[in-house]
Amino acid sequence: MRTSFPQGGITKNHIQGKIKKWKRKWTYYILHNLLWKPKFDWNQNENRLVVKNEV
């Protein structure tokens, strides 16, 4: 990165922060979309996704 963008000021921490943000964002969207499907549900007591056996 430093070779390609010497004035960019991009560090390892910047890249790791972006990756973490993307993972959180995509995990949220995946869970959100699954919960709209009829065979998926959310267990409030255990804070986890519940899937019916036929899936």
N, C-alpha and C. Protein backbone atom coordinates (compact mmCIF):
# COMPACT_ATOMS: atom_id res chain seq x y z
N MET A 1 0.83 -1.19 0.00
CA MET A 1 0.00 0.00 0.00
C MET A 1 0.88 1.25 0.00
N ARG A 2 1.90 1.24 0.82
CA ARG A 2 2.76 2.43 0.89
C ARG A 2 3.46 2.69 -0.43
N THR A 3 3.82 1.61 -1.13
CA THR A 3 4.49 1.76 -2.42
C THR A 3 3.53 2.33 -3.45
N SER A 4 2.31 1.83 -3.47
CA SER A 4 1.33 2.28 -4.45
C SER A 4 0.76 3.66 -4.12
N PHE A 5 0.59 3.95 -2.84
CA PHE A 5 -0.02 5.22 -2.41
C PHE A 5 0.85 5.86 -1.31
N PRO A 6 2.00 6.40 -1.68
CA PRO A 6 2.91 6.93 -0.65
C PRO A 6 2.34 8.09 0.15
N GLN A 7 1.43 8.87 -0.41
CA GLN A 7 0.85 10.01 0.30
C GLN A 7 -0.53 9.68 0.89
N GLY A 8 -0.95 8.44 0.79
CA GLY A 8 -2.29 8.06 1.19
C GLY A 8 -2.54 8.05 2.68
N GLY A 9 -1.53 7.77 3.47
CA GLY A 9 -1.71 7.72 4.92
C GLY A 9 -2.53 6.53 5.38
N ILE A 10 -2.65 5.51 4.55
CA ILE A 10 -3.43 4.32 4.90
C ILE A 10 -2.53 3.37 5.68
N THR A 11 -3.00 2.96 6.84
CA THR A 11 -2.22 2.05 7.67
C THR A 11 -2.94 0.71 7.81
N LYS A 12 -2.26 -0.21 8.43
CA LYS A 12 -2.82 -1.53 8.70
C LYS A 12 -4.10 -1.40 9.54
N ASN A 13 -4.08 -0.50 10.51
CA ASN A 13 -5.25 -0.30 11.38
C ASN A 13 -6.46 0.21 10.60
N HIS A 14 -6.24 1.09 9.61
CA HIS A 14 -7.34 1.57 8.77
C HIS A 14 -8.00 0.41 8.03
N ILE A 15 -7.17 -0.44 7.47
CA ILE A 15 -7.69 -1.57 6.69
C ILE A 15 -8.42 -2.55 7.60
N GLN A 16 -7.84 -2.87 8.76
CA GLN A 16 -8.50 -3.79 9.69
C GLN A 16 -9.82 -3.22 10.18
N GLY A 17 -9.88 -1.92 10.42
CA GLY A 17 -11.12 -1.28 10.86
C GLY A 17 -12.21 -1.38 9.79
N LYS A 18 -11.84 -1.16 8.54
CA LYS A 18 -12.81 -1.27 7.44
C LYS A 18 -13.33 -2.70 7.32
N ILE A 19 -12.44 -3.68 7.44
CA ILE A 19 -12.85 -5.08 7.33
C ILE A 19 -13.84 -5.43 8.45
N LYS A 20 -13.56 -4.99 9.67
CA LYS A 20 -14.48 -5.24 10.79
C LYS A 20 -15.84 -4.61 10.53
N LYS A 21 -15.83 -3.38 10.03
CA LYS A 21 -17.08 -2.67 9.75
C LYS A 21 -17.88 -3.41 8.69
N TRP A 22 -17.22 -3.85 7.61
CA TRP A 22 -17.90 -4.58 6.54
C TRP A 22 -18.48 -5.89 7.06
N LYS A 23 -17.73 -6.60 7.91
CA LYS A 23 -18.23 -7.87 8.46
C LYS A 23 -19.47 -7.64 9.30
N ARG A 24 -19.46 -6.60 10.14
CA ARG A 24 -20.65 -6.30 10.96
C ARG A 24 -21.83 -5.94 10.07
N LYS A 25 -21.59 -5.12 9.07
CA LYS A 25 -22.65 -4.67 8.18
C LYS A 25 -23.26 -5.85 7.44
N TRP A 26 -22.43 -6.70 6.84
CA TRP A 26 -22.95 -7.82 6.06
C TRP A 26 -23.58 -8.87 6.94
N THR A 27 -23.06 -9.08 8.14
CA THR A 27 -23.68 -10.03 9.07
C THR A 27 -25.09 -9.55 9.42
N TYR A 28 -25.24 -8.26 9.67
CA TYR A 28 -26.56 -7.70 9.98
C TYR A 28 -27.51 -7.91 8.81
N TYR A 29 -27.08 -7.59 7.60
CA TYR A 29 -27.95 -7.73 6.42
C TYR A 29 -28.33 -9.19 6.17
N ILE A 30 -27.39 -10.10 6.36
CA ILE A 30 -27.69 -11.52 6.16
C ILE A 30 -28.74 -11.97 7.16
N LEU A 31 -28.54 -11.64 8.45
CA LEU A 31 -29.52 -12.02 9.48
C LEU A 31 -30.87 -11.37 9.23
N HIS A 32 -30.86 -10.11 8.87
CA HIS A 32 -32.10 -9.40 8.59
C HIS A 32 -32.88 -10.08 7.47
N ASN A 33 -32.20 -10.44 6.41
CA ASN A 33 -32.86 -11.10 5.27
C ASN A 33 -33.35 -12.49 5.63
N LEU A 34 -32.60 -13.23 6.43
CA LEU A 34 -33.03 -14.56 6.85
C LEU A 34 -34.29 -14.49 7.71
N LEU A 35 -34.35 -13.50 8.58
CA LEU A 35 -35.50 -13.40 9.49
C LEU A 35 -36.79 -13.06 8.76
N TRP A 36 -36.73 -12.58 7.54
CA TRP A 36 -37.92 -12.32 6.75
C TRP A 36 -38.43 -13.59 6.09
N LYS A 37 -37.64 -14.64 6.11
CA LYS A 37 -38.04 -15.92 5.52
C LYS A 37 -38.90 -16.69 6.53
N PRO A 38 -39.89 -17.43 6.08
CA PRO A 38 -40.83 -18.07 7.02
C PRO A 38 -40.24 -19.17 7.90
N LYS A 39 -39.14 -19.77 7.52
CA LYS A 39 -38.61 -20.89 8.29
C LYS A 39 -37.48 -20.50 9.24
N PHE A 40 -37.26 -19.20 9.41
CA PHE A 40 -36.23 -18.70 10.31
C PHE A 40 -36.88 -17.83 11.37
N ASP A 41 -36.33 -17.89 12.59
CA ASP A 41 -36.88 -17.10 13.69
C ASP A 41 -35.73 -16.72 14.61
N TRP A 42 -35.99 -15.79 15.52
CA TRP A 42 -34.98 -15.32 16.47
C TRP A 42 -35.40 -15.70 17.87
N ASN A 43 -34.51 -16.35 18.63
CA ASN A 43 -34.77 -16.72 20.00
C ASN A 43 -34.27 -15.59 20.90
N GLN A 44 -35.18 -14.84 21.52
CA GLN A 44 -34.81 -13.70 22.35
C GLN A 44 -34.04 -14.11 23.61
N ASN A 45 -34.39 -15.26 24.18
CA ASN A 45 -33.76 -15.70 25.43
C ASN A 45 -32.30 -16.08 25.22
N GLU A 46 -32.00 -16.72 24.09
CA GLU A 46 -30.64 -17.19 23.82
C GLU A 46 -29.89 -16.30 22.83
N ASN A 47 -30.57 -15.29 22.28
CA ASN A 47 -29.97 -14.38 21.29
C ASN A 47 -29.31 -15.14 20.14
N ARG A 48 -30.11 -15.98 19.50
CA ARG A 48 -29.59 -16.73 18.37
C ARG A 48 -30.68 -17.01 17.35
N LEU A 49 -30.23 -17.35 16.16
CA LEU A 49 -31.11 -17.67 15.05
C LEU A 49 -31.63 -19.09 15.22
N VAL A 50 -32.93 -19.29 14.98
CA VAL A 50 -33.54 -20.62 15.07
C VAL A 50 -34.03 -20.98 13.67
N VAL A 51 -33.68 -22.21 13.24
CA VAL A 51 -34.06 -22.67 11.91
C VAL A 51 -34.90 -23.92 12.06
N LYS A 52 -36.01 -24.00 11.33
CA LYS A 52 -36.86 -25.18 11.40
C LYS A 52 -36.13 -26.38 10.78
N ASN A 53 -36.46 -27.57 11.25
CA ASN A 53 -35.75 -28.79 10.84
C ASN A 53 -35.79 -29.06 9.33
N GLU A 54 -36.87 -28.70 8.68
CA GLU A 54 -36.97 -29.02 7.24
C GLU A 54 -36.01 -28.20 6.38
N VAL A 55 -35.46 -27.15 6.94
CA VAL A 55 -34.50 -26.33 6.18
C VAL A 55 -33.19 -27.09 6.18
